[in-house]
Structures are given as C-alpha cells and as structure tokens.
Amino acid sequence: MTLNSKTILKKSGIVLAGAALGYAYYYFIGCSSGSCPITSNPYISTFYGALIGFILIFPTKKKENGGAEKNNPAN
C-alpha cells in the first residue's frame, strides 16, 4: 500500500468528519444533565466520533494477488 498525499488527505478527512459528527451529536442530542459520560462532554464525544472515523479507514479484507497463488500447483 502506497501512501501518497491524496490517500492521506482522504483518510484524515474521514477522521475529521467523524470528529465533526461526534461533536454534532453532543451539540444536538447530547445529555445536559451530566449523567451521560460520553454525550455530556464535547471533548469525549468528539474523540469517540474521531475514533469511529479512524476505525472506518482500515481495510476489512486483504487484497488478493490476482489469483496467481491459488492456481499455482507447485505450492
């Protein structure tokens, strides 16, 4: 996997979007009484949103090498 500037910008944009959504969740839906530890603090909800965005950028399945290893009877 090569890391070029386009890939880095795309992945960091996903993390920033997650952070923005975490803050938006705090702002619009969050708990004002303080009894909800995640949604009553903007820093924690922003962190959890960024964490979810960070988890989403990881690939879920490894890429295959074009099937060359599957069809090779010498292995």
PDB file of N, CA and C in Angstrom:
ATOM      1  N   MET A   1       0.838  -1.172   0.000  1.00  0.00           N
ATOM      2  CA  MET A   1       0.000   0.000   0.000  1.00  0.00           C
ATOM      3  C   MET A   1       0.881   1.233   0.000  1.00  0.00           C
ATOM      4  N   THR A   2       0.687   2.072  -0.958  1.00  0.00           N
ATOM      5  CA  THR A   2       1.467   3.291  -1.026  1.00  0.00           C
ATOM      6  C   THR A   2       0.694   4.429  -0.379  1.00  0.00           C
ATOM      7  N   LEU A   3       1.424   5.280   0.280  1.00  0.00           N
ATOM      8  CA  LEU A   3       0.813   6.440   0.904  1.00  0.00           C
ATOM      9  C   LEU A   3       1.207   7.679   0.114  1.00  0.00           C
ATOM     10  N   ASN A   4       0.263   8.235  -0.573  1.00  0.00           N
ATOM     11  CA  ASN A   4       0.509   9.495  -1.243  1.00  0.00           C
ATOM     12  C   ASN A   4      -0.362  10.562  -0.591  1.00  0.00           C
ATOM     13  N   SER A   5      -0.203  11.797  -1.019  1.00  0.00           N
ATOM     14  CA  SER A   5      -0.903  12.890  -0.350  1.00  0.00           C
ATOM     15  C   SER A   5      -2.413  12.782  -0.519  1.00  0.00           C
ATOM     16  N   LYS A   6      -2.880  12.247  -1.642  1.00  0.00           N
ATOM     17  CA  LYS A   6      -4.321  12.101  -1.858  1.00  0.00           C
ATOM     18  C   LYS A   6      -4.910  11.092  -0.874  1.00  0.00           C
ATOM     19  N   THR A   7      -4.196   9.995  -0.637  1.00  0.00           N
ATOM     20  CA  THR A   7      -4.665   8.977   0.294  1.00  0.00           C
ATOM     21  C   THR A   7      -4.681   9.513   1.722  1.00  0.00           C
ATOM     22  N   ILE A   8      -3.641  10.230   2.095  1.00  0.00           N
ATOM     23  CA  ILE A   8      -3.561  10.780   3.451  1.00  0.00           C
ATOM     24  C   ILE A   8      -4.667  11.804   3.677  1.00  0.00           C
ATOM     25  N   LEU A   9      -4.930  12.662   2.681  1.00  0.00           N
ATOM     26  CA  LEU A   9      -5.991  13.651   2.818  1.00  0.00           C
ATOM     27  C   LEU A   9      -7.365  12.988   2.923  1.00  0.00           C
ATOM     28  N   LYS A  10      -7.577  11.943   2.165  1.00  0.00           N
ATOM     29  CA  LYS A  10      -8.863  11.245   2.210  1.00  0.00           C
ATOM     30  C   LYS A  10      -9.072  10.589   3.574  1.00  0.00           C
ATOM     31  N   LYS A  11      -8.047   9.922   4.081  1.00  0.00           N
ATOM     32  CA  LYS A  11      -8.174   9.241   5.367  1.00  0.00           C
ATOM     33  C   LYS A  11      -8.306  10.223   6.522  1.00  0.00           C
ATOM     34  N   SER A  12      -7.551  11.312   6.488  1.00  0.00           N
ATOM     35  CA  SER A  12      -7.676  12.295   7.558  1.00  0.00           C
ATOM     36  C   SER A  12      -9.004  13.030   7.463  1.00  0.00           C
ATOM     37  N   GLY A  13      -9.543  13.188   6.260  1.00  0.00           N
ATOM     38  CA  GLY A  13     -10.860  13.797   6.111  1.00  0.00           C
ATOM     39  C   GLY A  13     -11.954  12.946   6.723  1.00  0.00           C
ATOM     40  N   ILE A  14     -11.821  11.628   6.605  1.00  0.00           N
ATOM     41  CA  ILE A  14     -12.805  10.724   7.209  1.00  0.00           C
ATOM     42  C   ILE A  14     -12.742  10.820   8.734  1.00  0.00           C
ATOM     43  N   VAL A  15     -11.537  10.908   9.284  1.00  0.00           N
ATOM     44  CA  VAL A  15     -11.387  11.035  10.737  1.00  0.00           C
ATOM     45  C   VAL A  15     -11.953  12.379  11.212  1.00  0.00           C
ATOM     46  N   LEU A  16     -11.691  13.448  10.465  1.00  0.00           N
ATOM     47  CA  LEU A  16     -12.224  14.761  10.833  1.00  0.00           C
ATOM     48  C   LEU A  16     -13.743  14.804  10.710  1.00  0.00           C
ATOM     49  N   ALA A  17     -14.285  14.130   9.707  1.00  0.00           N
ATOM     50  CA  ALA A  17     -15.739  14.062   9.573  1.00  0.00           C
ATOM     51  C   ALA A  17     -16.358  13.309  10.748  1.00  0.00           C
ATOM     52  N   GLY A  18     -15.698  12.249  11.190  1.00  0.00           N
ATOM     53  CA  GLY A  18     -16.171  11.523  12.370  1.00  0.00           C
ATOM     54  C   GLY A  18     -16.137  12.394  13.612  1.00  0.00           C
ATOM     55  N   ALA A  19     -15.083  13.189  13.744  1.00  0.00           N
ATOM     56  CA  ALA A  19     -14.988  14.095  14.886  1.00  0.00           C
ATOM     57  C   ALA A  19     -16.090  15.148  14.828  1.00  0.00           C
ATOM     58  N   ALA A  20     -16.361  15.665  13.645  1.00  0.00           N
ATOM     59  CA  ALA A  20     -17.423  16.660  13.490  1.00  0.00           C
ATOM     60  C   ALA A  20     -18.785  16.053  13.813  1.00  0.00           C
ATOM     61  N   LEU A  21     -19.010  14.815  13.382  1.00  0.00           N
ATOM     62  CA  LEU A  21     -20.270  14.158  13.696  1.00  0.00           C
ATOM     63  C   LEU A  21     -20.392  13.862  15.194  1.00  0.00           C
ATOM     64  N   GLY A  22     -19.273  13.534  15.834  1.00  0.00           N
ATOM     65  CA  GLY A  22     -19.292  13.329  17.285  1.00  0.00           C
ATOM     66  C   GLY A  22     -19.646  14.596  18.030  1.00  0.00           C
ATOM     67  N   TYR A  23     -19.081  15.722  17.585  1.00  0.00           N
ATOM     68  CA  TYR A  23     -19.423  16.993  18.219  1.00  0.00           C
ATOM     69  C   TYR A  23     -20.866  17.379  17.930  1.00  0.00           C
ATOM     70  N   ALA A  24     -21.325  17.120  16.699  1.00  0.00           N
ATOM     71  CA  ALA A  24     -22.717  17.425  16.352  1.00  0.00           C
ATOM     72  C   ALA A  24     -23.674  16.591  17.204  1.00  0.00           C
ATOM     73  N   TYR A  25     -23.300  15.358  17.489  1.00  0.00           N
ATOM     74  CA  TYR A  25     -24.132  14.521  18.359  1.00  0.00           C
ATOM     75  C   TYR A  25     -24.208  15.130  19.757  1.00  0.00           C
ATOM     76  N   TYR A  26     -23.080  15.613  20.268  1.00  0.00           N
ATOM     77  CA  TYR A  26     -23.083  16.279  21.576  1.00  0.00           C
ATOM     78  C   TYR A  26     -23.957  17.526  21.531  1.00  0.00           C
ATOM     79  N   TYR A  27     -23.816  18.327  20.499  1.00  0.00           N
ATOM     80  CA  TYR A  27     -24.489  19.621  20.424  1.00  0.00           C
ATOM     81  C   TYR A  27     -25.999  19.475  20.268  1.00  0.00           C
ATOM     82  N   PHE A  28     -26.444  18.589  19.383  1.00  0.00           N
ATOM     83  CA  PHE A  28     -27.862  18.486  19.088  1.00  0.00           C
ATOM     84  C   PHE A  28     -28.604  17.461  19.952  1.00  0.00           C
ATOM     85  N   ILE A  29     -27.954  16.390  20.335  1.00  0.00           N
ATOM     86  CA  ILE A  29     -28.649  15.307  21.030  1.00  0.00           C
ATOM     87  C   ILE A  29     -28.132  15.125  22.458  1.00  0.00           C
ATOM     88  N   GLY A  30     -26.938  15.589  22.746  1.00  0.00           N
ATOM     89  CA  GLY A  30     -26.245  15.308  23.999  1.00  0.00           C
ATOM     90  C   GLY A  30     -27.039  15.495  25.267  1.00  0.00           C
ATOM     91  N   CYS A  31     -26.530  14.929  26.304  1.00  0.00           N
ATOM     92  CA  CYS A  31     -27.172  14.912  27.614  1.00  0.00           C
ATOM     93  C   CYS A  31     -26.762  16.171  28.381  1.00  0.00           C
ATOM     94  N   SER A  32     -27.717  16.950  28.826  1.00  0.00           N
ATOM     95  CA  SER A  32     -27.393  18.183  29.542  1.00  0.00           C
ATOM     96  C   SER A  32     -27.318  17.993  31.049  1.00  0.00           C
ATOM     97  N   SER A  33     -27.808  16.869  31.545  1.00  0.00           N
ATOM     98  CA  SER A  33     -27.813  16.664  32.993  1.00  0.00           C
ATOM     99  C   SER A  33     -26.447  16.244  33.533  1.00  0.00           C
ATOM    100  N   GLY A  34     -25.582  15.733  32.661  1.00  0.00           N
ATOM    101  CA  GLY A  34     -24.267  15.296  33.100  1.00  0.00           C
ATOM    102  C   GLY A  34     -24.212  13.840  33.505  1.00  0.00           C
ATOM    103  N   SER A  35     -25.332  13.150  33.430  1.00  0.00           N
ATOM    104  CA  SER A  35     -25.343  11.749  33.836  1.00  0.00           C
ATOM    105  C   SER A  35     -24.861  10.818  32.727  1.00  0.00           C
ATOM    106  N   CYS A  36     -24.742  11.308  31.532  1.00  0.00           N
ATOM    107  CA  CYS A  36     -24.262  10.508  30.394  1.00  0.00           C
ATOM    108  C   CYS A  36     -22.786  10.859  30.162  1.00  0.00           C
ATOM    109  N   PRO A  37     -21.875   9.973  30.455  1.00  0.00           N
ATOM    110  CA  PRO A  37     -20.461  10.345  30.401  1.00  0.00           C
ATOM    111  C   PRO A  37     -19.938  10.672  29.001  1.00  0.00           C
ATOM    112  N   ILE A  38     -20.484  10.078  27.974  1.00  0.00           N
ATOM    113  CA  ILE A  38     -19.970  10.334  26.628  1.00  0.00           C
ATOM    114  C   ILE A  38     -20.609  11.576  26.024  1.00  0.00           C
ATOM    115  N   THR A  39     -21.926  11.670  26.088  1.00  0.00           N
ATOM    116  CA  THR A  39     -22.603  12.753  25.383  1.00  0.00           C
ATOM    117  C   THR A  39     -22.715  14.047  26.181  1.00  0.00           C
ATOM    118  N   SER A  40     -22.317  14.059  27.442  1.00  0.00           N
ATOM    119  CA  SER A  40     -22.391  15.301  28.212  1.00  0.00           C
ATOM    120  C   SER A  40     -21.109  16.120  28.112  1.00  0.00           C
ATOM    121  N   ASN A  41     -20.066  15.564  27.539  1.00  0.00           N
ATOM    122  CA  ASN A  41     -18.783  16.250  27.402  1.00  0.00           C
ATOM    123  C   ASN A  41     -18.422  16.361  25.921  1.00  0.00           C
ATOM    124  N   PRO A  42     -18.218  17.585  25.412  1.00  0.00           N
ATOM    125  CA  PRO A  42     -17.929  17.714  23.981  1.00  0.00           C
ATOM    126  C   PRO A  42     -16.594  17.097  23.565  1.00  0.00           C
ATOM    127  N   TYR A  43     -15.623  17.099  24.454  1.00  0.00           N
ATOM    128  CA  TYR A  43     -14.317  16.528  24.119  1.00  0.00           C
ATOM    129  C   TYR A  43     -14.393  15.015  23.954  1.00  0.00           C
ATOM    130  N   ILE A  44     -15.131  14.376  24.837  1.00  0.00           N
ATOM    131  CA  ILE A  44     -15.241  12.920  24.775  1.00  0.00           C
ATOM    132  C   ILE A  44     -16.060  12.491  23.571  1.00  0.00           C
ATOM    133  N   SER A  45     -17.170  13.175  23.297  1.00  0.00           N
ATOM    134  CA  SER A  45     -17.980  12.789  22.140  1.00  0.00           C
ATOM    135  C   SER A  45     -17.241  13.062  20.830  1.00  0.00           C
ATOM    136  N   THR A  46     -16.454  14.126  20.776  1.00  0.00           N
ATOM    137  CA  THR A  46     -15.646  14.401  19.581  1.00  0.00           C
ATOM    138  C   THR A  46     -14.572  13.334  19.417  1.00  0.00           C
ATOM    139  N   PHE A  47     -13.950  12.925  20.511  1.00  0.00           N
ATOM    140  CA  PHE A  47     -12.946  11.876  20.452  1.00  0.00           C
ATOM    141  C   PHE A  47     -13.540  10.565  19.959  1.00  0.00           C
ATOM    142  N   TYR A  48     -14.713  10.194  20.486  1.00  0.00           N
ATOM    143  CA  TYR A  48     -15.334   8.944  20.055  1.00  0.00           C
ATOM    144  C   TYR A  48     -15.748   9.003  18.586  1.00  0.00           C
ATOM    145  N   GLY A  49     -16.203  10.145  18.126  1.00  0.00           N
ATOM    146  CA  GLY A  49     -16.523  10.285  16.706  1.00  0.00           C
ATOM    147  C   GLY A  49     -15.292  10.129  15.838  1.00  0.00           C
ATOM    148  N   ALA A  50     -14.173  10.748  16.255  1.00  0.00           N
ATOM    149  CA  ALA A  50     -12.921  10.602  15.512  1.00  0.00           C
ATOM    150  C   ALA A  50     -12.428   9.160  15.565  1.00  0.00           C
ATOM    151  N   LEU A  51     -12.611   8.497  16.677  1.00  0.00           N
ATOM    152  CA  LEU A  51     -12.200   7.106  16.805  1.00  0.00           C
ATOM    153  C   LEU A  51     -12.992   6.208  15.854  1.00  0.00           C
ATOM    154  N   ILE A  52     -14.276   6.437  15.748  1.00  0.00           N
ATOM    155  CA  ILE A  52     -15.090   5.657  14.817  1.00  0.00           C
ATOM    156  C   ILE A  52     -14.660   5.933  13.379  1.00  0.00           C
ATOM    157  N   GLY A  53     -14.370   7.196  13.059  1.00  0.00           N
ATOM    158  CA  GLY A  53     -13.856   7.518  11.728  1.00  0.00           C
ATOM    159  C   GLY A  53     -12.520   6.847  11.462  1.00  0.00           C
ATOM    160  N   PHE A  54     -11.669   6.779  12.485  1.00  0.00           N
ATOM    161  CA  PHE A  54     -10.368   6.126  12.346  1.00  0.00           C
ATOM    162  C   PHE A  54     -10.529   4.631  12.106  1.00  0.00           C
ATOM    163  N   ILE A  55     -11.484   4.024  12.780  1.00  0.00           N
ATOM    164  CA  ILE A  55     -11.731   2.590  12.588  1.00  0.00           C
ATOM    165  C   ILE A  55     -12.245   2.319  11.182  1.00  0.00           C
ATOM    166  N   LEU A  56     -13.034   3.225  10.643  1.00  0.00           N
ATOM    167  CA  LEU A  56     -13.611   3.022   9.318  1.00  0.00           C
ATOM    168  C   LEU A  56     -12.587   3.094   8.182  1.00  0.00           C
ATOM    169  N   ILE A  57     -11.420   3.699   8.410  1.00  0.00           N
ATOM    170  CA  ILE A  57     -10.449   3.813   7.320  1.00  0.00           C
ATOM    171  C   ILE A  57      -9.616   2.557   7.138  1.00  0.00           C
ATOM    172  N   PHE A  58      -9.690   1.618   8.070  1.00  0.00           N
ATOM    173  CA  PHE A  58      -8.928   0.391   7.922  1.00  0.00           C
ATOM    174  C   PHE A  58      -9.609  -0.535   6.928  1.00  0.00           C
ATOM    175  N   PRO A  59      -8.836  -1.179   6.072  1.00  0.00           N
ATOM    176  CA  PRO A  59      -9.453  -2.125   5.134  1.00  0.00           C
ATOM    177  C   PRO A  59      -9.967  -3.346   5.881  1.00  0.00           C
ATOM    178  N   THR A  60     -11.066  -3.907   5.389  1.00  0.00           N
ATOM    179  CA  THR A  60     -11.672  -5.038   6.078  1.00  0.00           C
ATOM    180  C   THR A  60     -11.226  -6.375   5.510  1.00  0.00           C
ATOM    181  N   LYS A  61     -10.705  -6.378   4.307  1.00  0.00           N
ATOM    182  CA  LYS A  61     -10.309  -7.619   3.671  1.00  0.00           C
ATOM    183  C   LYS A  61      -9.007  -7.386   2.920  1.00  0.00           C
ATOM    184  N   LYS A  62      -8.078  -8.340   3.032  1.00  0.00           N
ATOM    185  CA  LYS A  62      -6.811  -8.204   2.327  1.00  0.00           C
ATOM    186  C   LYS A  62      -7.019  -8.436   0.842  1.00  0.00           C
ATOM    187  N   LYS A  63      -6.266  -7.688   0.039  1.00  0.00           N
ATOM    188  CA  LYS A  63      -6.357  -7.844  -1.406  1.00  0.00           C
ATOM    189  C   LYS A  63      -5.620  -9.102  -1.828  1.00  0.00           C
ATOM    190  N   GLU A  64      -6.158  -9.776  -2.832  1.00  0.00           N
ATOM    191  CA  GLU A  64      -5.515 -10.974  -3.354  1.00  0.00           C
ATOM    192  C   GLU A  64      -4.530 -10.584  -4.452  1.00  0.00           C
ATOM    193  N   ASN A  65      -3.577 -11.455  -4.710  1.00  0.00           N
ATOM    194  CA  ASN A  65      -2.561 -11.198  -5.726  1.00  0.00           C
ATOM    195  C   ASN A  65      -3.011 -11.658  -7.094  1.00  0.00           C
ATOM    196  N   GLY A  66      -4.202 -11.362  -7.493  1.00  0.00           N
ATOM    197  CA  GLY A  66      -4.697 -11.715  -8.808  1.00  0.00           C
ATOM    198  C   GLY A  66      -4.958 -13.200  -8.996  1.00  0.00           C
ATOM    199  N   GLY A  67      -4.987 -13.965  -7.951  1.00  0.00           N
ATOM    200  CA  GLY A  67      -5.259 -15.387  -8.047  1.00  0.00           C
ATOM    201  C   GLY A  67      -4.067 -16.219  -8.481  1.00  0.00           C
ATOM    202  N   ALA A  68      -2.875 -15.641  -8.581  1.00  0.00           N
ATOM    203  CA  ALA A  68      -1.700 -16.376  -9.044  1.00  0.00           C
ATOM    204  C   ALA A  68      -1.313 -17.475  -8.063  1.00  0.00           C
ATOM    205  N   GLU A  69      -1.477 -17.239  -6.785  1.00  0.00           N
ATOM    206  CA  GLU A  69      -1.090 -18.248  -5.810  1.00  0.00           C
ATOM    207  C   GLU A  69      -2.127 -19.371  -5.700  1.00  0.00           C
ATOM    208  N   LYS A  70      -3.361 -19.068  -5.997  1.00  0.00           N
ATOM    209  CA  LYS A  70      -4.394 -20.099  -5.922  1.00  0.00           C
ATOM    210  C   LYS A  70      -4.228 -21.170  -7.006  1.00  0.00           C
ATOM    211  N   ASN A  71      -3.904 -20.734  -8.197  1.00  0.00           N
ATOM    212  CA  ASN A  71      -3.856 -21.630  -9.329  1.00  0.00           C
ATOM    213  C   ASN A  71      -2.478 -22.258  -9.578  1.00  0.00           C
ATOM    214  N   ASN A  72      -1.522 -21.989  -8.723  1.00  0.00           N
ATOM    215  CA  ASN A  72      -0.177 -22.498  -8.896  1.00  0.00           C
ATOM    216  C   ASN A  72      -0.063 -23.843  -8.179  1.00  0.00           C
ATOM    217  N   PRO A  73       0.026 -24.977  -8.917  1.00  0.00           N
ATOM    218  CA  PRO A  73       0.080 -26.295  -8.271  1.00  0.00           C
ATOM    219  C   PRO A  73       1.430 -26.585  -7.621  1.00  0.00           C
ATOM    220  N   ALA A  74       2.446 -25.758  -7.862  1.00  0.00           N
ATOM    221  CA  ALA A  74       3.782 -26.011  -7.308  1.00  0.00           C
ATOM    222  C   ALA A  74       3.815 -25.715  -5.799  1.00  0.00           C
ATOM    223  N   ASN A  75       2.860 -24.945  -5.275  1.00  0.00           N
ATOM    224  CA  ASN A  75       2.868 -24.612  -3.842  1.00  0.00           C
ATOM    225  C   ASN A  75       2.392 -25.739  -3.030  1.00  0.00           C
TER     226      ASN A  75
END
